[in-house]
PDB file of all heavy atoms in Angstrom:
ATOM      1  N   ARG A   1     -70.458  75.166 103.498  1.00  0.00           N
ATOM      2  CA  ARG A   1     -71.571  74.907 104.394  1.00  0.00           C
ATOM      3  C   ARG A   1     -72.724  75.844 104.061  1.00  0.00           C
ATOM      4  O   ARG A   1     -72.511  76.969 103.605  1.00  0.00           O
ATOM      5  CB  ARG A   1     -71.153  75.108 105.841  1.00  0.00           C
ATOM      6  CG  ARG A   1     -69.928  74.289 106.242  1.00  0.00           C
ATOM      7  CD  ARG A   1     -69.662  74.443 107.730  1.00  0.00           C
ATOM      8  NE  ARG A   1     -68.439  73.738 108.118  1.00  0.00           N
ATOM      9  CZ  ARG A   1     -67.296  74.333 108.394  1.00  0.00           C
ATOM     10  NH1 ARG A   1     -67.208  75.658 108.327  1.00  0.00           N
ATOM     11  NH2 ARG A   1     -66.234  73.629 108.727  1.00  0.00           N
ATOM     12  N   PRO A   2     -73.952  75.432 104.318  1.00  0.00           N
ATOM     13  CA  PRO A   2     -75.092  76.340 104.099  1.00  0.00           C
ATOM     14  C   PRO A   2     -75.039  77.497 105.091  1.00  0.00           C
ATOM     15  O   PRO A   2     -74.659  77.318 106.255  1.00  0.00           O
ATOM     16  CB  PRO A   2     -76.316  75.449 104.345  1.00  0.00           C
ATOM     17  CG  PRO A   2     -75.810  74.329 105.195  1.00  0.00           C
ATOM     18  CD  PRO A   2     -74.386  74.095 104.788  1.00  0.00           C
ATOM     19  N   ILE A   3     -75.372  78.689 104.639  1.00  0.00           N
ATOM     20  CA  ILE A   3     -75.412  79.840 105.540  1.00  0.00           C
ATOM     21  C   ILE A   3     -76.847  80.206 105.896  1.00  0.00           C
ATOM     22  O   ILE A   3     -77.093  81.210 106.541  1.00  0.00           O
ATOM     23  CB  ILE A   3     -74.699  81.056 104.907  1.00  0.00           C
ATOM     24  CG1 ILE A   3     -75.293  81.402 103.548  1.00  0.00           C
ATOM     25  CG2 ILE A   3     -73.219  80.807 104.790  1.00  0.00           C
ATOM     26  CD1 ILE A   3     -74.703  82.641 102.915  1.00  0.00           C
ATOM     27  N   SER A   4     -77.788  79.379 105.476  1.00  0.00           N
ATOM     28  CA  SER A   4     -79.184  79.534 105.872  1.00  0.00           C
ATOM     29  C   SER A   4     -79.800  78.142 105.933  1.00  0.00           C
ATOM     30  O   SER A   4     -79.153  77.141 105.604  1.00  0.00           O
ATOM     31  CB  SER A   4     -79.950  80.416 104.879  1.00  0.00           C
ATOM     32  OG  SER A   4     -80.019  79.795 103.612  1.00  0.00           O
ATOM     33  N   ALA A   5     -81.047  78.074 106.350  1.00  0.00           N
ATOM     34  CA  ALA A   5     -81.711  76.780 106.520  1.00  0.00           C
ATOM     35  C   ALA A   5     -82.034  76.121 105.186  1.00  0.00           C
ATOM     36  O   ALA A   5     -82.192  74.905 105.118  1.00  0.00           O
ATOM     37  CB  ALA A   5     -82.995  76.958 107.334  1.00  0.00           C
ATOM     38  N   GLU A   6     -82.111  76.888 104.122  1.00  0.00           N
ATOM     39  CA  GLU A   6     -82.471  76.335 102.826  1.00  0.00           C
ATOM     40  C   GLU A   6     -81.270  75.667 102.159  1.00  0.00           C
ATOM     41  O   GLU A   6     -80.139  76.137 102.288  1.00  0.00           O
ATOM     42  CB  GLU A   6     -83.009  77.434 101.906  1.00  0.00           C
ATOM     43  CG  GLU A   6     -84.438  77.838 102.227  1.00  0.00           C
ATOM     44  CD  GLU A   6     -85.082  78.569 101.064  1.00  0.00           C
ATOM     45  OE1 GLU A   6     -84.377  78.935 100.117  1.00  0.00           O
ATOM     46  OE2 GLU A   6     -86.308  78.753 101.111  1.00  0.00           O
ATOM     47  N   PRO A   7     -81.500  74.569 101.424  1.00  0.00           N
ATOM     48  CA  PRO A   7     -80.397  73.937 100.686  1.00  0.00           C
ATOM     49  C   PRO A   7     -79.953  74.795  99.515  1.00  0.00           C
ATOM     50  O   PRO A   7     -80.689  75.661  99.046  1.00  0.00           O
ATOM     51  CB  PRO A   7     -81.022  72.618 100.196  1.00  0.00           C
ATOM     52  CG  PRO A   7     -82.490  72.916 100.107  1.00  0.00           C
ATOM     53  CD  PRO A   7     -82.787  73.870 101.230  1.00  0.00           C
ATOM     54  N   GLU A   8     -78.707  74.555  99.051  1.00  0.00           N
ATOM     55  CA  GLU A   8     -78.206  75.268  97.884  1.00  0.00           C
ATOM     56  C   GLU A   8     -79.002  74.854  96.647  1.00  0.00           C
ATOM     57  O   GLU A   8     -79.400  73.695  96.510  1.00  0.00           O
ATOM     58  CB  GLU A   8     -76.719  74.936  97.647  1.00  0.00           C
ATOM     59  CG  GLU A   8     -75.805  75.370  98.780  1.00  0.00           C
ATOM     60  CD  GLU A   8     -75.593  76.858  98.807  1.00  0.00           C
ATOM     61  OE1 GLU A   8     -75.771  77.510  97.761  1.00  0.00           O
ATOM     62  OE2 GLU A   8     -75.261  77.392  99.879  1.00  0.00           O
ATOM     63  N   PRO A   9     -79.285  75.781  95.745  1.00  0.00           N
ATOM     64  CA  PRO A   9     -80.062  75.442  94.546  1.00  0.00           C
ATOM     65  C   PRO A   9     -79.300  74.500  93.632  1.00  0.00           C
ATOM     66  O   PRO A   9     -78.068  74.483  93.615  1.00  0.00           O
ATOM     67  CB  PRO A   9     -80.280  76.808  93.883  1.00  0.00           C
ATOM     68  CG  PRO A   9     -79.183  77.669  94.395  1.00  0.00           C
ATOM     69  CD  PRO A   9     -78.905  77.197  95.787  1.00  0.00           C
ATOM     70  N   GLU A  10     -80.049  73.699  92.876  1.00  0.00           N
ATOM     71  CA  GLU A  10     -79.444  72.757  91.934  1.00  0.00           C
ATOM     72  C   GLU A  10     -78.845  73.510  90.741  1.00  0.00           C
ATOM     73  O   GLU A  10     -79.327  74.570  90.348  1.00  0.00           O
ATOM     74  CB  GLU A  10     -80.501  71.762  91.443  1.00  0.00           C
ATOM     75  CG  GLU A  10     -81.055  70.840  92.529  1.00  0.00           C
ATOM     76  CD  GLU A  10     -80.012  69.866  93.037  1.00  0.00           C
ATOM     77  OE1 GLU A  10     -79.130  69.477  92.245  1.00  0.00           O
ATOM     78  OE2 GLU A  10     -80.069  69.503  94.225  1.00  0.00           O
ATOM     79  N   GLU A  11     -77.790  72.913  90.163  1.00  0.00           N
ATOM     80  CA  GLU A  11     -77.173  73.513  88.986  1.00  0.00           C
ATOM     81  C   GLU A  11     -78.096  73.320  87.779  1.00  0.00           C
ATOM     82  O   GLU A  11     -78.647  72.241  87.563  1.00  0.00           O
ATOM     83  CB  GLU A  11     -75.808  72.877  88.728  1.00  0.00           C
ATOM     84  CG  GLU A  11     -75.036  73.542  87.622  1.00  0.00           C
ATOM     85  CD  GLU A  11     -73.584  73.080  87.580  1.00  0.00           C
ATOM     86  OE1 GLU A  11     -72.986  72.893  88.643  1.00  0.00           O
ATOM     87  OE2 GLU A  11     -73.074  72.890  86.464  1.00  0.00           O
ATOM     88  N   LEU A  12     -78.247  74.345  86.985  1.00  0.00           N
ATOM     89  CA  LEU A  12     -79.184  74.335  85.864  1.00  0.00           C
ATOM     90  C   LEU A  12     -78.428  74.362  84.537  1.00  0.00           C
ATOM     91  O   LEU A  12     -77.284  74.828  84.470  1.00  0.00           O
ATOM     92  CB  LEU A  12     -80.105  75.560  85.948  1.00  0.00           C
ATOM     93  CG  LEU A  12     -80.969  75.674  87.217  1.00  0.00           C
ATOM     94  CD1 LEU A  12     -81.637  77.037  87.269  1.00  0.00           C
ATOM     95  CD2 LEU A  12     -82.000  74.557  87.248  1.00  0.00           C
ATOM     96  N   PRO A  13     -79.076  73.890  83.464  1.00  0.00           N
ATOM     97  CA  PRO A  13     -78.450  74.005  82.142  1.00  0.00           C
ATOM     98  C   PRO A  13     -78.382  75.465  81.707  1.00  0.00           C
ATOM     99  O   PRO A  13     -79.140  76.313  82.182  1.00  0.00           O
ATOM    100  CB  PRO A  13     -79.369  73.183  81.240  1.00  0.00           C
ATOM    101  CG  PRO A  13     -80.682  73.149  81.955  1.00  0.00           C
ATOM    102  CD  PRO A  13     -80.354  73.156  83.417  1.00  0.00           C
ATOM    103  N   ASP A  14     -77.477  75.761  80.756  1.00  0.00           N
ATOM    104  CA  ASP A  14     -77.274  77.135  80.298  1.00  0.00           C
ATOM    105  C   ASP A  14     -78.559  77.770  79.781  1.00  0.00           C
ATOM    106  O   ASP A  14     -78.781  78.984  79.956  1.00  0.00           O
ATOM    107  CB  ASP A  14     -76.215  77.166  79.190  1.00  0.00           C
ATOM    108  CG  ASP A  14     -74.821  76.986  79.747  1.00  0.00           C
ATOM    109  OD1 ASP A  14     -74.663  77.015  80.984  1.00  0.00           O
ATOM    110  OD2 ASP A  14     -73.867  76.830  78.947  1.00  0.00           O
ATOM    111  N   SER A  15     -79.407  76.962  79.167  1.00  0.00           N
ATOM    112  CA  SER A  15     -80.628  77.508  78.567  1.00  0.00           C
ATOM    113  C   SER A  15     -81.592  78.076  79.606  1.00  0.00           C
ATOM    114  O   SER A  15     -82.448  78.901  79.274  1.00  0.00           O
ATOM    115  CB  SER A  15     -81.334  76.421  77.751  1.00  0.00           C
ATOM    116  OG  SER A  15     -81.672  75.325  78.579  1.00  0.00           O
ATOM    117  N   GLN A  16     -81.449  77.657  80.860  1.00  0.00           N
ATOM    118  CA  GLN A  16     -82.357  78.122  81.907  1.00  0.00           C
ATOM    119  C   GLN A  16     -81.752  79.234  82.767  1.00  0.00           C
ATOM    120  O   GLN A  16     -82.367  79.661  83.741  1.00  0.00           O
ATOM    121  CB  GLN A  16     -82.772  76.943  82.805  1.00  0.00           C
ATOM    122  CG  GLN A  16     -83.557  75.858  82.082  1.00  0.00           C
ATOM    123  CD  GLN A  16     -84.027  74.764  83.024  1.00  0.00           C
ATOM    124  OE1 GLN A  16     -84.224  74.995  84.204  1.00  0.00           O
ATOM    125  NE2 GLN A  16     -84.206  73.564  82.487  1.00  0.00           N
ATOM    126  N   LEU A  17     -80.570  79.693  82.407  1.00  0.00           N
ATOM    127  CA  LEU A  17     -79.906  80.743  83.190  1.00  0.00           C
ATOM    128  C   LEU A  17     -80.207  82.116  82.597  1.00  0.00           C
ATOM    129  O   LEU A  17     -80.427  82.248  81.393  1.00  0.00           O
ATOM    130  CB  LEU A  17     -78.394  80.511  83.208  1.00  0.00           C
ATOM    131  CG  LEU A  17     -77.907  79.209  83.844  1.00  0.00           C
ATOM    132  CD1 LEU A  17     -76.384  79.140  83.789  1.00  0.00           C
ATOM    133  CD2 LEU A  17     -78.392  79.075  85.277  1.00  0.00           C
ATOM    134  N   PRO A  18     -80.201  83.164  83.421  1.00  0.00           N
ATOM    135  CA  PRO A  18     -80.369  84.525  82.890  1.00  0.00           C
ATOM    136  C   PRO A  18     -79.217  84.887  81.970  1.00  0.00           C
ATOM    137  O   PRO A  18     -78.151  84.253  81.997  1.00  0.00           O
ATOM    138  CB  PRO A  18     -80.377  85.406  84.151  1.00  0.00           C
ATOM    139  CG  PRO A  18     -80.600  84.479  85.292  1.00  0.00           C
ATOM    140  CD  PRO A  18     -80.052  83.153  84.878  1.00  0.00           C
ATOM    141  N   SER A  19     -79.394  85.931  81.169  1.00  0.00           N
ATOM    142  CA  SER A  19     -78.322  86.385  80.292  1.00  0.00           C
ATOM    143  C   SER A  19     -77.161  86.922  81.123  1.00  0.00           C
ATOM    144  O   SER A  19     -77.312  87.242  82.307  1.00  0.00           O
ATOM    145  CB  SER A  19     -78.830  87.478  79.356  1.00  0.00           C
ATOM    146  OG  SER A  19     -79.130  88.662  80.082  1.00  0.00           O
ATOM    147  N   LEU A  20     -75.994  87.034  80.484  1.00  0.00           N
ATOM    148  CA  LEU A  20     -74.810  87.511  81.202  1.00  0.00           C
ATOM    149  C   LEU A  20     -75.014  88.935  81.710  1.00  0.00           C
ATOM    150  O   LEU A  20     -74.655  89.261  82.851  1.00  0.00           O
ATOM    151  CB  LEU A  20     -73.585  87.445  80.284  1.00  0.00           C
ATOM    152  CG  LEU A  20     -72.270  87.928  80.907  1.00  0.00           C
ATOM    153  CD1 LEU A  20     -71.895  87.097  82.125  1.00  0.00           C
ATOM    154  CD2 LEU A  20     -71.144  87.902  79.864  1.00  0.00           C
ATOM    155  N   PHE A  21     -75.603  89.812  80.888  1.00  0.00           N
ATOM    156  CA  PHE A  21     -75.806  91.202  81.306  1.00  0.00           C
ATOM    157  C   PHE A  21     -76.718  91.273  82.526  1.00  0.00           C
ATOM    158  O   PHE A  21     -76.421  91.969  83.509  1.00  0.00           O
ATOM    159  CB  PHE A  21     -76.408  92.017  80.162  1.00  0.00           C
ATOM    160  CG  PHE A  21     -76.780  93.415  80.544  1.00  0.00           C
ATOM    161  CD1 PHE A  21     -75.807  94.397  80.694  1.00  0.00           C
ATOM    162  CD2 PHE A  21     -78.114  93.747  80.789  1.00  0.00           C
ATOM    163  CE1 PHE A  21     -76.151  95.680  81.062  1.00  0.00           C
ATOM    164  CE2 PHE A  21     -78.468  95.032  81.156  1.00  0.00           C
ATOM    165  CZ  PHE A  21     -77.487  96.002  81.296  1.00  0.00           C
ATOM    166  N   VAL A  22     -77.834  90.545  82.472  1.00  0.00           N
ATOM    167  CA  VAL A  22     -78.774  90.552  83.597  1.00  0.00           C
ATOM    168  C   VAL A  22     -78.119  89.955  84.834  1.00  0.00           C
ATOM    169  O   VAL A  22     -78.332  90.429  85.961  1.00  0.00           O
ATOM    170  CB  VAL A  22     -80.052  89.786  83.225  1.00  0.00           C
ATOM    171  CG1 VAL A  22     -80.940  89.592  84.456  1.00  0.00           C
ATOM    172  CG2 VAL A  22     -80.806  90.510  82.127  1.00  0.00           C
ATOM    173  N   SER A  23     -77.293  88.935  84.648  1.00  0.00           N
ATOM    174  CA  SER A  23     -76.628  88.289  85.779  1.00  0.00           C
ATOM    175  C   SER A  23     -75.604  89.207  86.430  1.00  0.00           C
ATOM    176  O   SER A  23     -75.438  89.211  87.659  1.00  0.00           O
ATOM    177  CB  SER A  23     -75.946  86.996  85.316  1.00  0.00           C
ATOM    178  OG  SER A  23     -76.891  86.095  84.781  1.00  0.00           O
ATOM    179  N   LEU A  24     -74.893  89.993  85.613  1.00  0.00           N
ATOM    180  CA  LEU A  24     -73.871  90.898  86.141  1.00  0.00           C
ATOM    181  C   LEU A  24     -74.455  92.183  86.714  1.00  0.00           C
ATOM    182  O   LEU A  24     -73.793  92.850  87.530  1.00  0.00           O
ATOM    183  CB  LEU A  24     -72.874  91.259  85.035  1.00  0.00           C
ATOM    184  CG  LEU A  24     -71.835  90.210  84.662  1.00  0.00           C
ATOM    185  CD1 LEU A  24     -71.076  90.643  83.411  1.00  0.00           C
ATOM    186  CD2 LEU A  24     -70.853  89.982  85.814  1.00  0.00           C
ATOM    187  N   LEU A  25     -75.660  92.534  86.306  1.00  0.00           N
ATOM    188  CA  LEU A  25     -76.220  93.828  86.684  1.00  0.00           C
ATOM    189  C   LEU A  25     -76.296  94.044  88.197  1.00  0.00           C
ATOM    190  O   LEU A  25     -75.962  95.146  88.665  1.00  0.00           O
ATOM    191  CB  LEU A  25     -77.608  93.991  86.051  1.00  0.00           C
ATOM    192  CG  LEU A  25     -78.184  95.414  86.058  1.00  0.00           C
ATOM    193  CD1 LEU A  25     -77.231  96.382  85.360  1.00  0.00           C
ATOM    194  CD2 LEU A  25     -79.555  95.428  85.383  1.00  0.00           C
TER     195      LEU A  25
END
C-alpha cells in the first residue's frame, strides 16, 4: 500500500538508474 499520497514511481530501465555505489551510499 502507499505510505504517502504520492503514487509509487514507475520502474525504469537500467540505463536510467544511478550506479550501484551511489545507490548503496
